[in-house]
């Protein structure tokens, strides 16, 4: 079995590789990658060779869930993390298991045996596409709760035009031009909403497609967005995202 490890802690990656070889000396670790920046292009070029991915959820430059918004992966994934808050999100993509750190050899063995059992259910032991199709079906949030004083209000996603991270606070803006603080990190929000309808244009903003009123060519090959209603915030598509943004904005 050929495996790729995406883990930003060198000691954790080495420990995982040791456990894998202890479990099966025939396992080949094709690469150990430590960031989205290195992982995404490597996966684009080499994903056909990989039988299984191990991915740490929180990498130095973002959540590994972002990989799935940029690359189609039809191979099983086992997620690892020190936190259990991302478990639900993990199973929205091709996850067959979710291991909490510190990972033990028993945890790893159980996950690999689970993978083997899933493969056994299908006629071709090296293909588990049917179950990945089921596991990989995404469901997205249709509303968010916000607190207004001592009251709680439910905001439907169709009423949201943007999310903004500013310092430690994250806000959502509605089509009624209201702003509410919510208890989510922006990188998590980007995974909870439908990527066909929302796009993370930079580190500070996720915007709704239907809310984009104008796109203007800006300095340094960037793009500047105006939303409707106007929330009076400067929203600039970062240079490295311009190409992907145009594809998203154009649609399929």
Protein backbone atom coordinates (compact mmCIF):
# COMPACT_ATOMS: atom_id res chain seq x y z
CA UNK A 1 0.00 0.00 0.00
CA UNK A 2 1.29 3.47 -0.97
CA UNK A 3 0.59 6.23 1.52
CA UNK A 4 0.99 10.02 1.62
CA UNK A 5 1.27 11.77 4.97
CA UNK A 6 0.22 15.41 5.33
CA UNK A 7 1.38 16.56 8.75
CA UNK A 8 3.05 19.80 9.86
CA UNK A 9 4.70 18.34 12.97
CA UNK A 10 7.89 16.48 11.89
CA UNK A 11 7.96 14.25 14.98
CA UNK A 12 4.31 13.28 14.50
CA UNK A 13 4.94 12.46 10.83
CA UNK A 14 7.95 10.31 11.70
CA UNK A 15 6.03 8.50 14.44
CA UNK A 16 3.17 7.80 12.04
CA UNK A 17 5.58 6.43 9.45
CA UNK A 18 7.17 4.13 12.07
CA UNK A 19 3.77 2.79 13.09
CA UNK A 20 2.80 2.20 9.45
CA UNK A 21 5.95 0.18 8.76
CA UNK A 22 5.47 -1.71 12.02
CA UNK A 23 1.96 -2.61 10.90
CA UNK A 24 3.10 -3.72 7.45
CA UNK A 25 6.68 -3.60 6.17
CA UNK A 26 5.36 -3.54 2.60
CA UNK A 27 3.79 -0.13 3.12
CA UNK A 28 5.51 2.63 1.16
CA UNK A 29 5.31 6.22 2.35
CA UNK A 30 5.50 8.18 -0.88
CA UNK A 31 5.83 11.60 0.70
CA UNK A 32 5.53 13.55 3.94
CA UNK A 33 4.08 17.01 3.28
CA UNK A 34 3.75 19.74 5.89
CA UNK A 35 1.44 22.42 4.47
CA UNK A 36 -1.39 23.18 2.05
CA UNK A 37 1.13 25.04 -0.10
CA UNK A 38 3.24 21.90 -0.62
CA UNK A 39 0.46 19.30 -0.40
CA UNK A 40 -1.96 20.61 -3.03
CA UNK A 41 0.45 20.68 -6.02
CA UNK A 42 1.96 17.35 -4.95
CA UNK A 43 -1.48 15.72 -4.80
CA UNK A 44 -2.42 17.13 -8.20
CA UNK A 45 0.65 15.48 -9.72
CA UNK A 46 0.76 12.23 -7.73
CA UNK A 47 -2.71 11.35 -6.42
CA UNK A 48 -3.07 8.45 -8.87
CA UNK A 49 -0.17 6.69 -7.16
CA UNK A 50 -1.59 7.01 -3.65
CA UNK A 51 -3.73 4.30 -2.04
CA UNK A 52 -4.37 6.11 1.25
CA UNK A 53 -3.89 9.62 2.65
CA UNK A 54 -3.18 10.49 6.26
CA UNK A 55 -4.02 14.16 6.87
CA UNK A 56 -3.56 16.29 9.95
CA UNK A 57 -6.62 18.55 10.12
CA UNK A 58 -4.85 21.72 11.24
CA UNK A 59 -1.81 22.61 9.17
CA UNK A 60 0.41 25.65 9.54
CA UNK A 61 -1.36 27.49 6.69
CA UNK A 62 -4.96 26.31 7.10
CA UNK A 63 -7.23 23.30 7.46
CA UNK A 64 -6.54 20.26 5.30
CA UNK A 65 -10.25 20.24 4.34
CA UNK A 66 -9.33 23.07 1.96
CA UNK A 67 -7.47 20.52 -0.18
CA UNK A 68 -10.80 19.00 -1.23
CA UNK A 69 -12.07 22.34 -2.51
CA UNK A 70 -9.12 22.51 -4.91
CA UNK A 71 -8.39 18.88 -5.79
CA UNK A 72 -10.70 15.95 -6.52
CA UNK A 73 -9.54 13.03 -4.37
CA UNK A 74 -11.14 9.63 -4.92
CA UNK A 75 -8.93 7.83 -2.42
CA UNK A 76 -9.59 7.05 1.24
CA UNK A 77 -8.40 9.47 3.90
CA UNK A 78 -7.64 9.02 7.59
CA UNK A 79 -7.60 12.31 9.48
CA UNK A 80 -5.48 12.98 12.55
CA UNK A 81 -5.84 15.85 14.99
CA UNK A 82 -5.39 16.92 18.59
CA UNK A 83 -8.99 18.18 18.68
CA UNK A 84 -12.32 16.41 18.17
CA UNK A 85 -14.26 19.49 17.00
CA UNK A 86 -13.67 18.64 13.33
CA UNK A 87 -14.95 15.05 13.42
CA UNK A 88 -18.23 15.83 11.65
CA UNK A 89 -16.43 17.79 8.91
CA UNK A 90 -13.97 14.94 8.42
CA UNK A 91 -16.73 12.56 7.44
CA UNK A 92 -18.09 14.99 4.87
CA UNK A 93 -15.12 14.15 2.67
CA UNK A 94 -13.47 10.80 1.90
CA UNK A 95 -12.68 10.00 5.51
CA UNK A 96 -12.80 6.39 6.65
CA UNK A 97 -11.55 7.22 10.15
CA UNK A 98 -10.59 10.06 12.47
CA UNK A 99 -7.73 9.57 14.94
CA UNK A 100 -7.13 11.78 17.95
CA UNK A 101 -3.55 12.62 18.91
CA UNK A 102 -1.47 11.28 20.47
CA UNK A 103 -2.05 8.36 18.11
CA UNK A 104 -1.28 4.90 19.42
CA UNK A 105 -0.28 1.88 17.38
CA UNK A 106 -3.59 0.30 18.41
CA UNK A 107 -5.51 3.28 16.98
CA UNK A 108 -3.60 3.04 13.72
CA UNK A 109 -4.06 -0.72 13.44
CA UNK A 110 -7.79 -0.42 14.03
CA UNK A 111 -8.12 2.22 11.29
CA UNK A 112 -6.16 0.17 8.74
CA UNK A 113 -8.19 -2.93 9.56
CA UNK A 114 -11.34 -0.88 9.03
CA UNK A 115 -10.06 0.12 5.60
CA UNK A 116 -9.30 -3.51 4.74
CA UNK A 117 -12.81 -4.53 5.82
CA UNK A 118 -14.37 -1.84 3.64
CA UNK A 119 -12.33 -2.98 0.66
CA UNK A 120 -13.43 -6.56 1.24
CA UNK A 121 -17.04 -5.55 0.73
CA UNK A 122 -16.40 -4.79 -2.93
CA UNK A 123 -15.40 -7.01 -5.79
CA UNK A 124 -12.11 -5.21 -6.52
CA UNK A 125 -10.05 -5.02 -3.37
CA UNK A 126 -8.08 -1.99 -4.51
CA UNK A 127 -11.15 0.10 -5.20
CA UNK A 128 -13.60 1.47 -2.66
CA UNK A 129 -15.21 4.08 -4.86
CA UNK A 130 -18.80 3.08 -3.98
CA UNK A 131 -18.33 3.66 -0.27
CA UNK A 132 -16.26 6.80 -0.82
CA UNK A 133 -19.11 8.16 -2.90
CA UNK A 134 -21.41 7.65 0.04
CA UNK A 135 -18.96 8.93 2.65
CA UNK A 136 -17.97 11.85 0.49
CA UNK A 137 -21.44 13.30 -0.03
CA UNK A 138 -21.30 16.78 1.42
CA UNK A 139 -24.01 18.34 3.51
CA UNK A 140 -23.75 22.01 4.34
CA UNK A 141 -25.19 24.18 7.07
CA UNK A 142 -28.47 25.85 6.18
CA UNK A 143 -28.52 28.28 9.12
CA UNK A 144 -26.32 29.82 11.80
CA UNK A 145 -27.19 30.84 15.35
CA UNK A 146 -26.26 34.32 16.55
CA UNK A 147 -26.62 35.87 19.98
CA UNK A 148 -28.30 39.26 20.40
CA UNK A 149 -28.06 40.27 24.01
CA UNK A 150 -29.84 37.52 25.93
CA UNK A 151 -31.59 36.29 22.81
CA UNK A 152 -30.62 33.76 20.14
CA UNK A 153 -31.56 34.20 16.50
CA UNK A 154 -31.32 31.75 13.61
CA UNK A 155 -29.96 33.20 10.35
CA UNK A 156 -30.71 31.20 7.16
CA UNK A 157 -27.71 30.78 4.87
CA UNK A 158 -29.66 32.31 1.99
CA UNK A 159 -29.78 35.57 3.96
CA UNK A 160 -25.98 35.70 4.41
CA UNK A 161 -23.90 37.76 2.00
CA UNK A 162 -20.47 37.48 3.67
CA UNK A 163 -18.39 36.33 6.62
CA UNK A 164 -15.49 38.41 7.93
CA UNK A 165 -12.65 37.66 10.32
CA UNK A 166 -11.28 40.75 12.04
CA UNK A 167 -8.85 40.11 14.87
CA UNK A 168 -10.33 37.39 17.04
CA UNK A 169 -13.90 38.16 16.00
CA UNK A 170 -15.77 36.58 13.10
CA UNK A 171 -18.96 38.22 11.82
CA UNK A 172 -21.64 37.37 9.33
CA UNK A 173 -23.42 40.01 7.26
CA UNK A 174 -26.98 39.60 6.05
CA UNK A 175 -28.85 40.90 3.03
CA UNK A 176 -30.63 43.21 5.48
CA UNK A 177 -27.20 44.84 6.08
CA UNK A 178 -27.04 43.49 9.64
CA UNK A 179 -23.80 42.31 11.24
CA UNK A 180 -23.64 39.56 13.86
CA UNK A 181 -20.72 38.02 15.75
CA UNK A 182 -20.58 34.23 15.49
CA UNK A 183 -18.49 31.65 17.31
CA UNK A 184 -16.68 30.07 14.35
CA UNK A 185 -13.24 30.40 12.85
CA UNK A 186 -13.28 31.62 9.25
CA UNK A 187 -11.41 28.55 7.97
CA UNK A 188 -14.07 26.33 9.54
CA UNK A 189 -16.90 28.44 8.08
CA UNK A 190 -15.41 28.05 4.61
CA UNK A 191 -15.93 24.29 4.98
CA UNK A 192 -19.46 24.52 6.39
CA UNK A 193 -21.01 26.42 3.47
CA UNK A 194 -21.56 25.23 -0.09
CA UNK A 195 -18.43 26.09 -2.16
CA UNK A 196 -20.64 26.68 -5.20
CA UNK A 197 -22.35 29.50 -3.34
CA UNK A 198 -19.55 30.90 -1.16
CA UNK A 199 -15.87 31.59 -1.80
CA UNK A 200 -13.02 32.56 0.52
CA UNK A 201 -11.44 35.45 -1.37
CA UNK A 202 -8.68 36.17 1.16
CA UNK A 203 -7.72 35.52 4.78
CA UNK A 204 -10.42 37.83 6.04
CA UNK A 205 -13.50 37.26 3.87
CA UNK A 206 -15.82 34.55 2.61
CA UNK A 207 -18.39 36.03 0.20
CA UNK A 208 -21.67 34.80 -1.26
CA UNK A 209 -21.93 34.55 -5.04
CA UNK A 210 -25.38 36.11 -5.15
CA UNK A 211 -24.17 39.14 -3.18
CA UNK A 212 -21.42 40.17 -5.60
CA UNK A 213 -22.59 43.35 -7.30
CA UNK A 214 -19.38 44.41 -9.01
CA UNK A 215 -15.88 43.06 -9.70
CA UNK A 216 -13.23 45.61 -10.52
CA UNK A 217 -9.63 45.06 -11.64
CA UNK A 218 -7.52 46.37 -8.80
CA UNK A 219 -3.83 47.12 -8.27
CA UNK A 220 -1.16 44.42 -8.46
CA UNK A 221 -3.38 42.10 -10.56
CA UNK A 222 -5.93 41.75 -7.80
CA UNK A 223 -9.72 42.14 -7.91
CA UNK A 224 -11.91 44.36 -5.76
CA UNK A 225 -15.46 43.28 -4.94
CA UNK A 226 -18.53 45.33 -4.12
CA UNK A 227 -21.43 43.53 -2.48
CA UNK A 228 -25.12 44.33 -2.48
CA UNK A 229 -26.06 45.57 -0.02
CA UNK A 230 -22.75 47.36 0.43
CA UNK A 231 -21.25 46.51 3.82
CA UNK A 232 -18.64 49.29 3.44
CA UNK A 233 -15.68 46.96 3.80
CA UNK A 234 -12.78 46.70 1.37
CA UNK A 235 -12.95 43.21 -0.09
CA UNK A 236 -10.00 42.35 -2.31
CA UNK A 237 -9.39 38.97 -3.93
CA UNK A 238 -5.81 38.07 -3.04
CA UNK A 239 -3.51 37.72 -6.04
CA UNK A 240 -2.94 33.98 -5.59
CA UNK A 241 -6.70 33.37 -5.60
CA UNK A 242 -7.64 35.47 -8.63
CA UNK A 243 -7.48 32.61 -11.14
CA UNK A 244 -9.56 30.24 -8.99
CA UNK A 245 -11.99 33.02 -8.13
CA UNK A 246 -12.65 33.71 -11.83
CA UNK A 247 -13.38 30.01 -12.43
CA UNK A 248 -15.74 29.95 -9.45
CA UNK A 249 -17.42 33.21 -10.50
CA UNK A 250 -17.89 31.94 -14.06
CA UNK A 251 -19.43 28.66 -12.87
CA UNK A 252 -19.61 25.33 -14.67
